[in-house]
N, C-alpha and C. Protein backbone atom coordinates (compact mmCIF):
# COMPACT_ATOMS: atom_id res chain seq x y z
N UNK A 1 -6.37 56.21 24.86
CA UNK A 1 -5.35 55.21 25.07
C UNK A 1 -5.35 54.21 23.92
N UNK A 2 -6.35 53.36 23.83
CA UNK A 2 -6.41 52.35 22.77
C UNK A 2 -7.68 52.49 21.96
N UNK A 3 -7.99 53.75 21.60
CA UNK A 3 -9.20 54.02 20.83
C UNK A 3 -9.19 53.23 19.53
N UNK A 4 -10.35 52.80 19.12
CA UNK A 4 -10.47 52.11 17.85
C UNK A 4 -10.29 50.61 17.93
N UNK A 5 -9.85 50.09 19.07
CA UNK A 5 -9.70 48.65 19.21
C UNK A 5 -10.98 48.05 19.76
N UNK A 6 -11.32 46.87 19.27
CA UNK A 6 -12.48 46.16 19.79
C UNK A 6 -12.15 45.52 21.13
N UNK A 7 -13.17 44.99 21.81
CA UNK A 7 -12.96 44.42 23.14
C UNK A 7 -11.96 43.27 23.18
N UNK A 8 -11.95 42.44 22.16
CA UNK A 8 -11.01 41.31 22.15
C UNK A 8 -9.57 41.78 21.98
N UNK A 9 -9.36 42.82 21.18
CA UNK A 9 -8.01 43.36 21.03
C UNK A 9 -7.58 44.13 22.28
N UNK A 10 -8.52 44.81 22.92
CA UNK A 10 -8.21 45.48 24.19
C UNK A 10 -7.79 44.47 25.25
N UNK A 11 -8.43 43.31 25.24
CA UNK A 11 -8.05 42.24 26.17
C UNK A 11 -6.60 41.84 25.92
N UNK A 12 -6.20 41.71 24.66
CA UNK A 12 -4.82 41.35 24.34
C UNK A 12 -3.84 42.41 24.85
N UNK A 13 -4.20 43.69 24.71
CA UNK A 13 -3.35 44.77 25.20
C UNK A 13 -3.18 44.64 26.71
N UNK A 14 -4.28 44.42 27.42
CA UNK A 14 -4.23 44.29 28.88
C UNK A 14 -3.37 43.10 29.30
N UNK A 15 -3.54 41.97 28.63
CA UNK A 15 -2.76 40.78 28.95
C UNK A 15 -1.27 41.00 28.68
N UNK A 16 -0.94 41.62 27.56
CA UNK A 16 0.47 41.87 27.22
C UNK A 16 1.12 42.84 28.21
N UNK A 17 0.38 43.88 28.58
CA UNK A 17 0.90 44.83 29.58
C UNK A 17 1.13 44.15 30.91
N UNK A 18 0.22 43.26 31.29
CA UNK A 18 0.35 42.53 32.55
C UNK A 18 1.58 41.62 32.54
N UNK A 19 1.81 40.94 31.43
CA UNK A 19 2.97 40.05 31.33
C UNK A 19 4.26 40.84 31.47
N UNK A 20 4.32 41.98 30.82
CA UNK A 20 5.51 42.85 30.88
C UNK A 20 5.76 43.29 32.31
N UNK A 21 4.73 43.77 32.98
CA UNK A 21 4.88 44.27 34.35
C UNK A 21 5.18 43.14 35.33
N UNK A 22 4.44 42.07 35.23
CA UNK A 22 4.58 40.94 36.17
C UNK A 22 5.98 40.33 36.10
N UNK A 23 6.51 40.20 34.91
CA UNK A 23 7.80 39.53 34.73
C UNK A 23 8.98 40.49 34.72
N UNK A 24 8.72 41.78 34.75
CA UNK A 24 9.79 42.76 34.76
C UNK A 24 10.67 42.69 33.52
N UNK A 25 10.03 42.46 32.38
CA UNK A 25 10.76 42.35 31.10
C UNK A 25 10.46 43.57 30.23
N UNK A 26 11.34 43.85 29.26
CA UNK A 26 11.15 45.06 28.45
C UNK A 26 9.96 45.01 27.49
N UNK A 27 9.47 43.81 27.18
CA UNK A 27 8.30 43.71 26.31
C UNK A 27 7.42 42.55 26.73
N UNK A 28 6.13 42.73 26.48
CA UNK A 28 5.15 41.68 26.71
C UNK A 28 4.34 41.50 25.44
N UNK A 29 3.79 40.32 25.26
CA UNK A 29 2.99 40.06 24.06
C UNK A 29 1.82 39.16 24.40
N UNK A 30 0.79 39.26 23.56
CA UNK A 30 -0.36 38.38 23.66
C UNK A 30 -0.86 38.12 22.25
N UNK A 31 -1.30 36.90 22.01
CA UNK A 31 -1.87 36.54 20.71
C UNK A 31 -3.19 35.82 20.92
N UNK A 32 -4.05 35.87 19.90
CA UNK A 32 -5.32 35.17 19.91
C UNK A 32 -5.33 34.23 18.71
N UNK A 33 -5.62 32.96 18.97
CA UNK A 33 -5.63 31.99 17.87
C UNK A 33 -6.99 31.91 17.20
N UNK A 34 -7.11 31.02 16.24
CA UNK A 34 -8.33 30.90 15.44
C UNK A 34 -9.53 30.42 16.25
N UNK A 35 -9.28 29.86 17.43
CA UNK A 35 -10.36 29.40 18.31
C UNK A 35 -10.73 30.43 19.37
N UNK A 36 -10.02 31.57 19.37
CA UNK A 36 -10.27 32.60 20.35
C UNK A 36 -9.46 32.44 21.63
N UNK A 37 -8.59 31.43 21.69
CA UNK A 37 -7.74 31.23 22.86
C UNK A 37 -6.61 32.26 22.85
N UNK A 38 -6.19 32.68 24.04
CA UNK A 38 -5.12 33.66 24.14
C UNK A 38 -3.88 33.05 24.77
N UNK A 39 -2.74 33.57 24.36
CA UNK A 39 -1.44 33.13 24.87
C UNK A 39 -0.66 34.40 25.19
N UNK A 40 -0.02 34.41 26.35
CA UNK A 40 0.63 35.60 26.86
C UNK A 40 2.06 35.25 27.25
N UNK A 41 3.01 36.15 26.95
CA UNK A 41 4.40 35.87 27.30
C UNK A 41 5.22 37.14 27.39
N UNK A 42 6.34 37.00 28.03
CA UNK A 42 7.37 38.04 28.05
C UNK A 42 8.55 37.55 27.24
N UNK A 43 9.51 38.42 27.04
CA UNK A 43 10.72 38.06 26.31
C UNK A 43 11.52 37.03 27.12
N UNK A 44 12.24 36.17 26.41
CA UNK A 44 13.10 35.17 27.04
C UNK A 44 14.54 35.47 26.62
N UNK A 45 15.38 35.73 27.60
CA UNK A 45 16.79 36.04 27.34
C UNK A 45 17.65 35.09 28.16
N UNK A 46 18.21 34.10 27.51
CA UNK A 46 19.15 33.16 28.12
C UNK A 46 20.41 33.13 27.27
N UNK A 47 21.47 32.59 27.80
CA UNK A 47 22.70 32.49 27.02
C UNK A 47 22.48 31.71 25.73
N UNK A 48 21.63 30.68 25.79
CA UNK A 48 21.42 29.83 24.62
C UNK A 48 20.10 30.07 23.91
N UNK A 49 19.31 31.03 24.38
CA UNK A 49 17.98 31.26 23.80
C UNK A 49 17.60 32.72 23.93
N UNK A 50 17.23 33.33 22.81
CA UNK A 50 16.83 34.74 22.79
C UNK A 50 15.55 34.86 21.96
N UNK A 51 14.42 34.94 22.66
CA UNK A 51 13.13 35.06 21.99
C UNK A 51 12.46 36.36 22.38
N UNK A 52 11.89 37.02 21.40
CA UNK A 52 11.07 38.19 21.72
C UNK A 52 9.81 37.70 22.44
N UNK A 53 9.11 38.62 23.07
CA UNK A 53 7.86 38.25 23.73
C UNK A 53 6.88 37.65 22.74
N UNK A 54 6.81 38.22 21.55
CA UNK A 54 5.87 37.72 20.55
C UNK A 54 6.27 36.33 20.06
N UNK A 55 7.56 36.11 19.84
CA UNK A 55 8.01 34.77 19.44
C UNK A 55 7.63 33.75 20.51
N UNK A 56 7.79 34.12 21.78
CA UNK A 56 7.46 33.21 22.86
C UNK A 56 5.96 32.92 22.90
N UNK A 57 5.13 33.96 22.75
CA UNK A 57 3.68 33.77 22.76
C UNK A 57 3.24 32.90 21.58
N UNK A 58 3.81 33.12 20.41
CA UNK A 58 3.46 32.31 19.24
C UNK A 58 3.92 30.86 19.44
N UNK A 59 5.10 30.67 20.01
CA UNK A 59 5.57 29.31 20.28
C UNK A 59 4.62 28.59 21.25
N UNK A 60 4.14 29.31 22.25
CA UNK A 60 3.17 28.73 23.19
C UNK A 60 1.88 28.35 22.47
N UNK A 61 1.43 29.20 21.56
CA UNK A 61 0.22 28.90 20.80
C UNK A 61 0.41 27.65 19.94
N UNK A 62 1.52 27.58 19.23
CA UNK A 62 1.79 26.43 18.37
C UNK A 62 1.88 25.16 19.21
N UNK A 63 2.58 25.24 20.35
CA UNK A 63 2.73 24.08 21.23
C UNK A 63 1.39 23.62 21.79
N UNK A 64 0.43 24.51 21.82
CA UNK A 64 -0.92 24.18 22.33
C UNK A 64 -1.88 23.78 21.22
N UNK A 65 -1.39 23.71 19.98
CA UNK A 65 -2.23 23.24 18.88
C UNK A 65 -2.83 24.30 17.99
N UNK A 66 -2.48 25.56 18.18
CA UNK A 66 -3.02 26.62 17.32
C UNK A 66 -2.60 26.39 15.87
N UNK A 67 -3.51 26.64 14.97
CA UNK A 67 -3.24 26.50 13.53
C UNK A 67 -3.11 27.85 12.84
N UNK A 68 -3.60 28.92 13.50
CA UNK A 68 -3.58 30.25 12.90
C UNK A 68 -3.71 31.30 14.00
N UNK A 69 -3.47 32.55 13.65
CA UNK A 69 -3.65 33.67 14.56
C UNK A 69 -4.70 34.61 14.02
N UNK A 70 -5.49 35.19 14.92
CA UNK A 70 -6.43 36.25 14.55
C UNK A 70 -5.79 37.62 14.76
N UNK A 71 -4.98 37.76 15.83
CA UNK A 71 -4.38 39.05 16.14
C UNK A 71 -3.22 38.85 17.11
N UNK A 72 -2.33 39.85 17.13
CA UNK A 72 -1.18 39.84 18.03
C UNK A 72 -0.95 41.24 18.56
N UNK A 73 -0.46 41.33 19.80
CA UNK A 73 -0.14 42.61 20.43
C UNK A 73 1.25 42.51 21.04
N UNK A 74 2.05 43.56 20.86
CA UNK A 74 3.33 43.68 21.54
C UNK A 74 3.33 45.00 22.30
N UNK A 75 3.67 44.95 23.58
CA UNK A 75 3.82 46.13 24.42
C UNK A 75 5.31 46.33 24.62
N UNK A 76 5.82 47.47 24.17
CA UNK A 76 7.25 47.71 24.18
C UNK A 76 7.55 49.19 24.12
N UNK A 77 8.76 49.55 24.46
CA UNK A 77 9.21 50.93 24.31
C UNK A 77 9.69 51.20 22.89
N UNK A 78 9.87 50.16 22.10
CA UNK A 78 10.33 50.32 20.71
C UNK A 78 9.30 51.10 19.90
N UNK A 79 9.78 51.83 18.94
CA UNK A 79 8.91 52.66 18.10
C UNK A 79 8.25 51.89 16.95
N UNK A 80 8.83 50.76 16.57
CA UNK A 80 8.32 50.00 15.42
C UNK A 80 8.39 48.51 15.72
N UNK A 81 7.59 47.75 15.00
CA UNK A 81 7.61 46.29 15.16
C UNK A 81 8.92 45.73 14.62
N UNK A 82 9.49 44.79 15.35
CA UNK A 82 10.73 44.14 14.94
C UNK A 82 10.47 43.20 13.76
N UNK A 83 11.44 43.07 12.89
CA UNK A 83 11.30 42.17 11.74
C UNK A 83 11.00 40.74 12.17
N UNK A 84 11.64 40.28 13.25
CA UNK A 84 11.40 38.90 13.68
C UNK A 84 9.97 38.72 14.20
N UNK A 85 9.37 39.78 14.74
CA UNK A 85 7.99 39.70 15.19
C UNK A 85 7.04 39.65 14.00
N UNK A 86 7.31 40.47 13.00
CA UNK A 86 6.49 40.43 11.79
C UNK A 86 6.58 39.06 11.13
N UNK A 87 7.76 38.47 11.11
CA UNK A 87 7.96 37.16 10.48
C UNK A 87 7.17 36.07 11.20
N UNK A 88 7.19 36.07 12.53
CA UNK A 88 6.51 35.00 13.26
C UNK A 88 4.98 35.15 13.15
N UNK A 89 4.48 36.36 13.08
CA UNK A 89 3.05 36.57 12.86
C UNK A 89 2.66 36.08 11.47
N UNK A 90 3.47 36.40 10.48
CA UNK A 90 3.20 35.95 9.11
C UNK A 90 3.26 34.42 9.02
N UNK A 91 4.22 33.80 9.70
CA UNK A 91 4.37 32.35 9.65
C UNK A 91 3.12 31.62 10.14
N UNK A 92 2.54 32.07 11.24
CA UNK A 92 1.38 31.37 11.79
C UNK A 92 0.06 32.00 11.36
N UNK A 93 0.00 33.31 11.26
CA UNK A 93 -1.27 33.98 10.99
C UNK A 93 -1.52 34.31 9.53
N UNK A 94 -0.46 34.46 8.77
CA UNK A 94 -0.61 34.88 7.38
C UNK A 94 -0.34 36.36 7.22
N UNK A 95 -0.27 36.83 5.98
CA UNK A 95 0.15 38.20 5.71
C UNK A 95 -0.83 39.29 6.13
N UNK A 96 -2.07 38.95 6.42
CA UNK A 96 -3.06 39.97 6.77
C UNK A 96 -3.35 40.04 8.28
N UNK A 97 -2.69 39.23 9.07
CA UNK A 97 -2.94 39.21 10.52
C UNK A 97 -2.45 40.51 11.15
N UNK A 98 -3.31 41.21 11.89
CA UNK A 98 -2.88 42.48 12.48
C UNK A 98 -1.93 42.28 13.66
N UNK A 99 -0.88 43.09 13.67
CA UNK A 99 0.05 43.17 14.80
C UNK A 99 -0.08 44.58 15.36
N UNK A 100 -0.56 44.65 16.58
CA UNK A 100 -0.79 45.93 17.26
C UNK A 100 0.40 46.21 18.16
N UNK A 101 1.05 47.32 17.93
CA UNK A 101 2.21 47.73 18.73
C UNK A 101 1.78 48.83 19.67
N UNK A 102 1.98 48.63 20.98
CA UNK A 102 1.59 49.66 21.93
C UNK A 102 2.77 50.05 22.80
N UNK A 103 2.67 51.27 23.32
CA UNK A 103 3.63 51.76 24.30
C UNK A 103 3.34 51.07 25.63
N UNK A 104 4.27 51.14 26.59
CA UNK A 104 4.03 50.52 27.90
C UNK A 104 2.75 50.98 28.60
N UNK A 105 2.29 52.19 28.32
CA UNK A 105 1.05 52.66 28.95
C UNK A 105 -0.21 52.19 28.22
N UNK A 106 -0.05 51.42 27.15
CA UNK A 106 -1.17 50.90 26.40
C UNK A 106 -1.58 51.73 25.21
N UNK A 107 -0.93 52.87 25.00
CA UNK A 107 -1.23 53.71 23.85
C UNK A 107 -0.82 52.99 22.56
N UNK A 108 -1.74 52.88 21.62
CA UNK A 108 -1.44 52.21 20.36
C UNK A 108 -0.51 53.09 19.53
N UNK A 109 0.63 52.54 19.16
CA UNK A 109 1.57 53.24 18.28
C UNK A 109 1.25 52.96 16.81
N UNK A 110 0.95 51.69 16.54
CA UNK A 110 0.64 51.32 15.15
C UNK A 110 -0.04 49.96 15.11
N UNK A 111 -0.74 49.77 14.04
CA UNK A 111 -1.27 48.44 13.71
C UNK A 111 -0.79 48.14 12.29
N UNK A 112 -0.03 47.05 12.17
CA UNK A 112 0.56 46.71 10.89
C UNK A 112 0.21 45.26 10.57
N UNK A 113 0.36 44.92 9.31
CA UNK A 113 0.25 43.53 8.89
C UNK A 113 1.61 43.11 8.37
N UNK A 114 1.95 41.83 8.53
CA UNK A 114 3.28 41.38 8.14
C UNK A 114 3.51 41.25 6.64
N UNK A 115 2.42 41.42 5.85
CA UNK A 115 2.57 41.38 4.41
C UNK A 115 3.14 40.15 3.93
């Protein structure tokens, strides 16, 4: 399922999957900041606001005082990471921060960096 991931990254996968299932949204995300704190969110779709799950999780981290990211996970049916997700990871975490993309069942599709 998620072979090759360490325990902290596996925790992010579990949290992101839970957010997706609990909220009945197409994607869930979880991020870990420089202090090891985690932030979990689903996508937000309103007439005046459209945030991916990862954008929402990063916004929650920033609002809570995070200065950087160690890792990010998105659980989605999409085959590749969205450009806006790569951008938000790069903005807070930097170009080398890993973004782990998993299928809804937790299978890792890819791990990329936002460059």
